[in-house]
């Protein structure tokens, strides 16, 4: 299955990878990012990929940190976009929603 994600004021962008293919590639990128987060006491878990959206959960010191959204957007998402595809979006799943990440819009 080829995933599609939409952006405001744009036609749906096609990502030429299945969710399973993206999962493996994203996992490799997150493994590269994880040590940087750990230096500040944080962590990240890859929960899943659905329709070109990557669902993660920031952990440790990242939870409640004022900079966590910047970390997600300019650290995690930026690196995934550089290494895999420029249209991928990363979503942080709130604590307690780990088992229902695929229901988050």
C-alpha atoms as a PDB file:
ATOM      1  CA  UNK A   1       0.000   0.000   0.000  1.00  0.00           C
ATOM      2  CA  UNK A   2       1.294   3.465  -0.844  1.00  0.00           C
ATOM      3  CA  UNK A   3       0.549   5.974   1.883  1.00  0.00           C
ATOM      4  CA  UNK A   4      -0.867   9.408   1.284  1.00  0.00           C
ATOM      5  CA  UNK A   5      -0.910  12.338   3.636  1.00  0.00           C
ATOM      6  CA  UNK A   6      -2.612  15.652   3.138  1.00  0.00           C
ATOM      7  CA  UNK A   7      -1.488  19.146   3.911  1.00  0.00           C
ATOM      8  CA  UNK A   8      -3.611  22.305   4.078  1.00  0.00           C
ATOM      9  CA  UNK A   9      -3.908  24.028   0.711  1.00  0.00           C
ATOM     10  CA  UNK A  10      -2.112  21.192  -1.077  1.00  0.00           C
ATOM     11  CA  UNK A  11      -3.172  18.127  -2.957  1.00  0.00           C
ATOM     12  CA  UNK A  12      -2.544  14.832  -1.196  1.00  0.00           C
ATOM     13  CA  UNK A  13       1.144  14.006  -1.322  1.00  0.00           C
ATOM     14  CA  UNK A  14       2.109  10.450  -2.152  1.00  0.00           C
ATOM     15  CA  UNK A  15       4.787   8.721  -0.146  1.00  0.00           C
ATOM     16  CA  UNK A  16       6.153   5.850  -2.230  1.00  0.00           C
ATOM     17  CA  UNK A  17       6.580   3.450   0.697  1.00  0.00           C
ATOM     18  CA  UNK A  18       4.247   1.123   2.544  1.00  0.00           C
ATOM     19  CA  UNK A  19       3.766   1.662   6.271  1.00  0.00           C
ATOM     20  CA  UNK A  20       5.842  -1.469   6.932  1.00  0.00           C
ATOM     21  CA  UNK A  21       8.703  -0.169   4.779  1.00  0.00           C
ATOM     22  CA  UNK A  22       8.542   3.200   6.511  1.00  0.00           C
ATOM     23  CA  UNK A  23       8.568   1.596   9.957  1.00  0.00           C
ATOM     24  CA  UNK A  24      11.934  -0.060   9.367  1.00  0.00           C
ATOM     25  CA  UNK A  25      13.487   3.071   7.883  1.00  0.00           C
ATOM     26  CA  UNK A  26      12.101   5.312  10.631  1.00  0.00           C
ATOM     27  CA  UNK A  27      13.319   2.916  13.331  1.00  0.00           C
ATOM     28  CA  UNK A  28      16.862   3.240  11.949  1.00  0.00           C
ATOM     29  CA  UNK A  29      16.702   7.047  12.014  1.00  0.00           C
ATOM     30  CA  UNK A  30      15.294   7.077  15.546  1.00  0.00           C
ATOM     31  CA  UNK A  31      18.129   4.803  16.658  1.00  0.00           C
ATOM     32  CA  UNK A  32      20.525   7.523  15.461  1.00  0.00           C
ATOM     33  CA  UNK A  33      18.626  10.269  17.323  1.00  0.00           C
ATOM     34  CA  UNK A  34      18.106   8.360  20.583  1.00  0.00           C
ATOM     35  CA  UNK A  35      21.625   8.987  22.018  1.00  0.00           C
ATOM     36  CA  UNK A  36      21.195  12.760  21.657  1.00  0.00           C
ATOM     37  CA  UNK A  37      17.951  12.656  23.610  1.00  0.00           C
ATOM     38  CA  UNK A  38      19.531  10.425  26.251  1.00  0.00           C
ATOM     39  CA  UNK A  39      22.250  13.020  26.882  1.00  0.00           C
ATOM     40  CA  UNK A  40      19.547  15.267  28.323  1.00  0.00           C
ATOM     41  CA  UNK A  41      17.733  12.456  30.139  1.00  0.00           C
ATOM     42  CA  UNK A  42      15.110  11.946  27.459  1.00  0.00           C
ATOM     43  CA  UNK A  43      14.052   9.074  25.292  1.00  0.00           C
ATOM     44  CA  UNK A  44      11.840   8.164  22.367  1.00  0.00           C
ATOM     45  CA  UNK A  45       9.819   5.090  21.425  1.00  0.00           C
ATOM     46  CA  UNK A  46       8.532   4.384  17.926  1.00  0.00           C
ATOM     47  CA  UNK A  47       4.935   3.179  18.304  1.00  0.00           C
ATOM     48  CA  UNK A  48       3.936   2.830  14.680  1.00  0.00           C
ATOM     49  CA  UNK A  49       3.473   4.252  11.209  1.00  0.00           C
ATOM     50  CA  UNK A  50       0.102   4.807   9.575  1.00  0.00           C
ATOM     51  CA  UNK A  51      -0.577   6.506   6.239  1.00  0.00           C
ATOM     52  CA  UNK A  52       2.736   8.343   6.202  1.00  0.00           C
ATOM     53  CA  UNK A  53       2.472   9.574   9.780  1.00  0.00           C
ATOM     54  CA  UNK A  54       5.016   8.409  12.331  1.00  0.00           C
ATOM     55  CA  UNK A  55       3.733   7.947  15.871  1.00  0.00           C
ATOM     56  CA  UNK A  56       6.291   8.228  18.648  1.00  0.00           C
ATOM     57  CA  UNK A  57       6.288   8.831  22.353  1.00  0.00           C
ATOM     58  CA  UNK A  58       8.836  11.095  23.954  1.00  0.00           C
ATOM     59  CA  UNK A  59       9.908   9.787  27.349  1.00  0.00           C
ATOM     60  CA  UNK A  60      12.022  10.605  30.374  1.00  0.00           C
ATOM     61  CA  UNK A  61      13.027  14.251  30.702  1.00  0.00           C
ATOM     62  CA  UNK A  62      11.250  15.013  27.408  1.00  0.00           C
ATOM     63  CA  UNK A  63       7.851  14.520  29.075  1.00  0.00           C
ATOM     64  CA  UNK A  64       6.616  17.945  30.096  1.00  0.00           C
ATOM     65  CA  UNK A  65       9.738  19.695  28.821  1.00  0.00           C
ATOM     66  CA  UNK A  66       9.046  23.106  27.302  1.00  0.00           C
ATOM     67  CA  UNK A  67      11.300  22.231  24.369  1.00  0.00           C
ATOM     68  CA  UNK A  68       9.749  18.844  23.567  1.00  0.00           C
ATOM     69  CA  UNK A  69       7.732  20.150  20.597  1.00  0.00           C
ATOM     70  CA  UNK A  70      10.856  21.719  19.122  1.00  0.00           C
ATOM     71  CA  UNK A  71      12.732  18.467  19.685  1.00  0.00           C
ATOM     72  CA  UNK A  72       9.979  16.597  17.894  1.00  0.00           C
ATOM     73  CA  UNK A  73       9.671  19.023  14.976  1.00  0.00           C
ATOM     74  CA  UNK A  74      13.237  20.213  14.424  1.00  0.00           C
ATOM     75  CA  UNK A  75      15.083  17.160  15.671  1.00  0.00           C
ATOM     76  CA  UNK A  76      13.106  14.000  15.020  1.00  0.00           C
ATOM     77  CA  UNK A  77      10.812  15.023  12.157  1.00  0.00           C
ATOM     78  CA  UNK A  78      13.509  17.025  10.369  1.00  0.00           C
ATOM     79  CA  UNK A  79      15.956  14.110  10.403  1.00  0.00           C
ATOM     80  CA  UNK A  80      13.306  11.641   9.221  1.00  0.00           C
ATOM     81  CA  UNK A  81      12.361  13.997   6.391  1.00  0.00           C
ATOM     82  CA  UNK A  82      15.990  14.425   5.362  1.00  0.00           C
ATOM     83  CA  UNK A  83      16.805  10.716   5.394  1.00  0.00           C
ATOM     84  CA  UNK A  84      13.534   9.182   4.179  1.00  0.00           C
ATOM     85  CA  UNK A  85      10.948  11.520   2.618  1.00  0.00           C
ATOM     86  CA  UNK A  86      10.167  15.244   2.959  1.00  0.00           C
ATOM     87  CA  UNK A  87       6.423  14.748   3.480  1.00  0.00           C
ATOM     88  CA  UNK A  88       6.543  12.536   6.573  1.00  0.00           C
ATOM     89  CA  UNK A  89       4.852  13.903   9.684  1.00  0.00           C
ATOM     90  CA  UNK A  90       5.753  12.912  13.249  1.00  0.00           C
ATOM     91  CA  UNK A  91       3.122  12.814  16.002  1.00  0.00           C
ATOM     92  CA  UNK A  92       3.901  12.571  19.720  1.00  0.00           C
ATOM     93  CA  UNK A  93       1.456  10.190  21.421  1.00  0.00           C
ATOM     94  CA  UNK A  94       0.452  11.326  24.906  1.00  0.00           C
ATOM     95  CA  UNK A  95       1.189   9.105  27.871  1.00  0.00           C
ATOM     96  CA  UNK A  96      -1.599   6.586  28.374  1.00  0.00           C
ATOM     97  CA  UNK A  97      -2.447   6.432  24.658  1.00  0.00           C
ATOM     98  CA  UNK A  98       0.306   3.962  23.681  1.00  0.00           C
ATOM     99  CA  UNK A  99      -2.171   1.164  23.004  1.00  0.00           C
ATOM    100  CA  UNK A 100      -4.404   3.430  20.913  1.00  0.00           C
ATOM    101  CA  UNK A 101      -1.842   5.375  18.900  1.00  0.00           C
ATOM    102  CA  UNK A 102      -3.511   4.312  15.649  1.00  0.00           C
ATOM    103  CA  UNK A 103      -6.728   6.069  16.691  1.00  0.00           C
ATOM    104  CA  UNK A 104      -5.058   9.463  16.963  1.00  0.00           C
ATOM    105  CA  UNK A 105      -5.937  11.666  13.991  1.00  0.00           C
END
